[in-house]
Amino acid sequence: MADRLRTAFERLLEAVVFLLMIALAALVAAAVVFRKFNAPIIWYDEVAVILLAWITYYGAALAALKGAHISVSALVDAMPRGPRIAVTLLGEACVIAFFLVLGWAGYQVLGVLATDYLVTLPKVSNDYVQSIIPIGSACYVIAELLRLPAVLRFAAARSEASP
């Protein structure tokens, strides 16, 4: 059940990141073509930056789910089994706590931004744009929680292989 949920969440994140990348590439290509014909898209820069931010948040959650973020585990690998598992849990708890705080703060900001709108697209509210902060943070927390059993199995297996 947990593996199926993890796989489904991974496919969802992959689809979202893929669609956002396609949208960004299409927007950049369209902007180049329109600029060539001396009819630049005035909202291109603002929307491209937003799409890049969204790709970053969803991509970070996807990388977390796959365990693809950079880490240096030499110190943890050198520890005996008990402390190794404890430090691994502590590290995961710190990451989850950080993203919970980030998501909460991002949610609080949405209320402040409810009356602000994009400069080049005045009908698009900034709270919609900035909603990626709490949503992306929630995705990251979910990714960490779904990956946690595998992380603990790996930490325990490493400790059994060490002297």
Protein backbone atom coordinates (compact mmCIF):
# COMPACT_ATOMS: atom_id res chain seq x y z
CA MET A 1 0.00 0.00 0.00
CA ALA A 2 2.73 2.51 1.00
CA ASP A 3 4.77 1.66 -2.09
CA ARG A 4 1.77 2.21 -4.34
CA LEU A 5 1.05 5.54 -2.66
CA ARG A 6 4.69 6.57 -3.05
CA THR A 7 4.69 5.56 -6.72
CA ALA A 8 1.43 7.42 -7.37
CA PHE A 9 2.76 10.55 -5.67
CA GLU A 10 5.99 10.27 -7.66
CA ARG A 11 4.05 10.02 -10.94
CA LEU A 12 1.92 13.01 -9.93
CA LEU A 13 4.99 15.14 -9.16
CA GLU A 14 6.67 14.02 -12.38
CA ALA A 15 3.58 14.99 -14.38
CA VAL A 16 3.32 18.40 -12.71
CA VAL A 17 7.03 19.15 -13.22
CA PHE A 18 6.86 17.95 -16.83
CA LEU A 19 3.81 20.08 -17.62
CA LEU A 20 5.34 23.14 -15.96
CA MET A 21 8.56 22.65 -17.94
CA ILE A 22 6.62 22.30 -21.18
CA ALA A 23 4.65 25.45 -20.33
CA LEU A 24 7.86 27.37 -19.58
CA ALA A 25 9.54 26.16 -22.77
CA ALA A 26 6.46 27.05 -24.84
CA LEU A 27 6.28 30.48 -23.24
CA VAL A 28 9.95 31.20 -23.91
CA ALA A 29 9.63 30.01 -27.51
CA ALA A 30 6.50 32.10 -28.05
CA ALA A 31 8.18 35.14 -26.53
CA VAL A 32 11.13 34.78 -28.92
CA VAL A 33 8.82 34.47 -31.93
CA PHE A 34 6.66 37.42 -30.89
CA ARG A 35 9.72 39.56 -30.18
CA LYS A 36 11.11 38.66 -33.63
CA PHE A 37 7.93 40.10 -35.16
CA ASN A 38 8.26 43.21 -32.99
CA ALA A 39 5.22 42.32 -30.86
CA PRO A 40 6.68 41.32 -27.49
CA ILE A 41 4.52 39.62 -24.88
CA ILE A 42 4.45 42.10 -22.01
CA TRP A 43 3.70 39.51 -19.31
CA TYR A 44 6.35 37.01 -20.43
CA ASP A 45 9.04 37.84 -17.83
CA GLU A 46 6.71 37.82 -14.85
CA VAL A 47 5.04 34.54 -15.78
CA ALA A 48 8.34 32.85 -16.68
CA VAL A 49 9.74 33.67 -13.24
CA ILE A 50 6.61 32.29 -11.59
CA LEU A 51 6.78 29.07 -13.62
CA LEU A 52 10.44 28.67 -12.71
CA ALA A 53 9.61 29.06 -9.00
CA TRP A 54 6.84 26.47 -9.30
CA ILE A 55 9.17 24.07 -11.10
CA THR A 56 11.70 24.56 -8.31
CA TYR A 57 9.25 23.72 -5.51
CA TYR A 58 7.67 20.71 -7.22
CA GLY A 59 11.06 19.53 -8.49
CA ALA A 60 12.53 19.75 -4.99
CA ALA A 61 9.70 17.61 -3.64
CA LEU A 62 10.28 15.10 -6.43
CA ALA A 63 14.01 15.02 -5.67
CA ALA A 64 13.23 14.50 -1.98
CA LEU A 65 10.95 11.60 -2.81
CA LYS A 66 13.69 9.99 -4.91
CA GLY A 67 16.42 10.75 -2.35
CA ALA A 68 18.24 12.77 -4.99
CA HIS A 69 19.29 15.75 -2.89
CA ILE A 70 23.00 16.13 -2.18
CA SER A 71 24.12 14.69 1.13
CA VAL A 72 27.38 13.85 2.82
CA SER A 73 26.81 10.83 5.00
CA ALA A 74 30.38 9.86 5.90
CA LEU A 75 30.01 10.91 9.55
CA VAL A 76 26.66 9.16 9.92
CA ASP A 77 28.00 6.05 8.15
CA ALA A 78 30.84 5.83 10.67
CA MET A 79 28.44 5.69 13.65
CA PRO A 80 27.25 2.51 15.34
CA ARG A 81 23.74 1.28 14.49
CA GLY A 82 21.78 2.95 17.30
CA PRO A 83 23.22 6.46 16.98
CA ARG A 84 23.15 6.18 13.18
CA ILE A 85 19.41 5.53 13.14
CA ALA A 86 18.82 8.25 15.76
CA VAL A 87 20.81 10.84 13.80
CA THR A 88 19.04 9.83 10.59
CA LEU A 89 15.67 10.32 12.29
CA LEU A 90 16.79 13.64 13.75
CA GLY A 91 17.89 14.85 10.32
CA GLU A 92 14.60 13.84 8.74
CA ALA A 93 12.68 15.48 11.59
CA CYS A 94 14.63 18.74 11.08
CA VAL A 95 13.87 18.77 7.35
CA ILE A 96 10.18 18.05 7.95
CA ALA A 97 10.00 20.71 10.68
CA PHE A 98 11.63 23.27 8.40
CA PHE A 99 9.12 22.66 5.63
CA LEU A 100 6.21 22.69 8.06
CA VAL A 101 7.33 26.12 9.29
CA LEU A 102 7.92 27.31 5.73
CA GLY A 103 4.47 26.08 4.68
CA TRP A 104 2.81 27.74 7.67
CA ALA A 105 4.61 31.05 7.03
CA GLY A 106 3.79 30.82 3.33
CA TYR A 107 0.14 30.27 4.17
CA GLN A 108 0.16 33.30 6.47
CA VAL A 109 1.59 35.44 3.66
CA LEU A 110 -1.29 34.49 1.36
CA GLY A 111 -3.68 36.57 3.44
CA VAL A 112 -1.43 39.59 3.09
CA LEU A 113 -1.13 39.15 -0.66
CA ALA A 114 -4.85 38.69 -1.28
CA THR A 115 -5.21 42.29 -2.45
CA ASP A 116 -2.02 42.39 -4.56
CA TYR A 117 -1.98 41.53 -8.23
CA LEU A 118 0.65 40.89 -10.87
CA VAL A 119 1.96 44.02 -12.56
CA THR A 120 1.58 42.80 -16.14
CA LEU A 121 -1.50 40.66 -15.51
CA PRO A 122 -3.62 42.72 -13.10
CA LYS A 123 -6.39 40.11 -12.94
CA VAL A 124 -4.04 37.47 -11.46
CA SER A 125 -3.74 37.69 -7.69
CA ASN A 126 -0.37 37.32 -5.98
CA ASP A 127 -1.89 34.98 -3.42
CA TYR A 128 -2.54 32.51 -6.25
CA VAL A 129 1.04 32.89 -7.46
CA GLN A 130 2.56 32.56 -3.98
CA SER A 131 0.37 29.58 -3.07
CA ILE A 132 3.27 27.45 -4.30
CA ILE A 133 5.03 28.06 -0.98
CA PRO A 134 2.55 26.20 1.25
CA ILE A 135 1.64 23.71 -1.49
CA GLY A 136 5.28 22.98 -2.35
CA SER A 137 6.16 22.69 1.34
CA ALA A 138 3.31 20.23 1.87
CA CYS A 139 4.52 18.20 -1.13
CA TYR A 140 8.04 18.15 0.34
CA VAL A 141 6.76 16.96 3.73
CA ILE A 142 4.67 14.25 2.07
CA ALA A 143 7.70 13.18 0.02
CA GLU A 144 9.88 12.97 3.14
CA LEU A 145 7.26 10.96 5.02
CA LEU A 146 6.76 8.56 2.11
CA ARG A 147 10.52 8.06 1.79
CA LEU A 148 11.14 7.71 5.55
CA PRO A 149 10.69 3.89 5.76
CA ALA A 150 13.25 3.39 2.97
CA VAL A 151 15.65 5.84 4.64
CA LEU A 152 15.41 3.95 7.93
CA ARG A 153 15.85 0.57 6.22
CA PHE A 154 18.92 1.94 4.46
CA ALA A 155 20.35 3.37 7.71
CA ALA A 156 19.84 0.04 9.46
CA ALA A 157 21.33 -1.94 6.57
CA ARG A 158 24.38 0.30 6.43
CA SER A 159 24.95 -0.20 10.11
CA GLU A 160 24.76 -3.97 9.80
CA ALA A 161 27.39 -3.90 7.04
CA SER A 162 29.80 -1.74 9.05
CA PRO A 163 32.22 -3.15 11.66
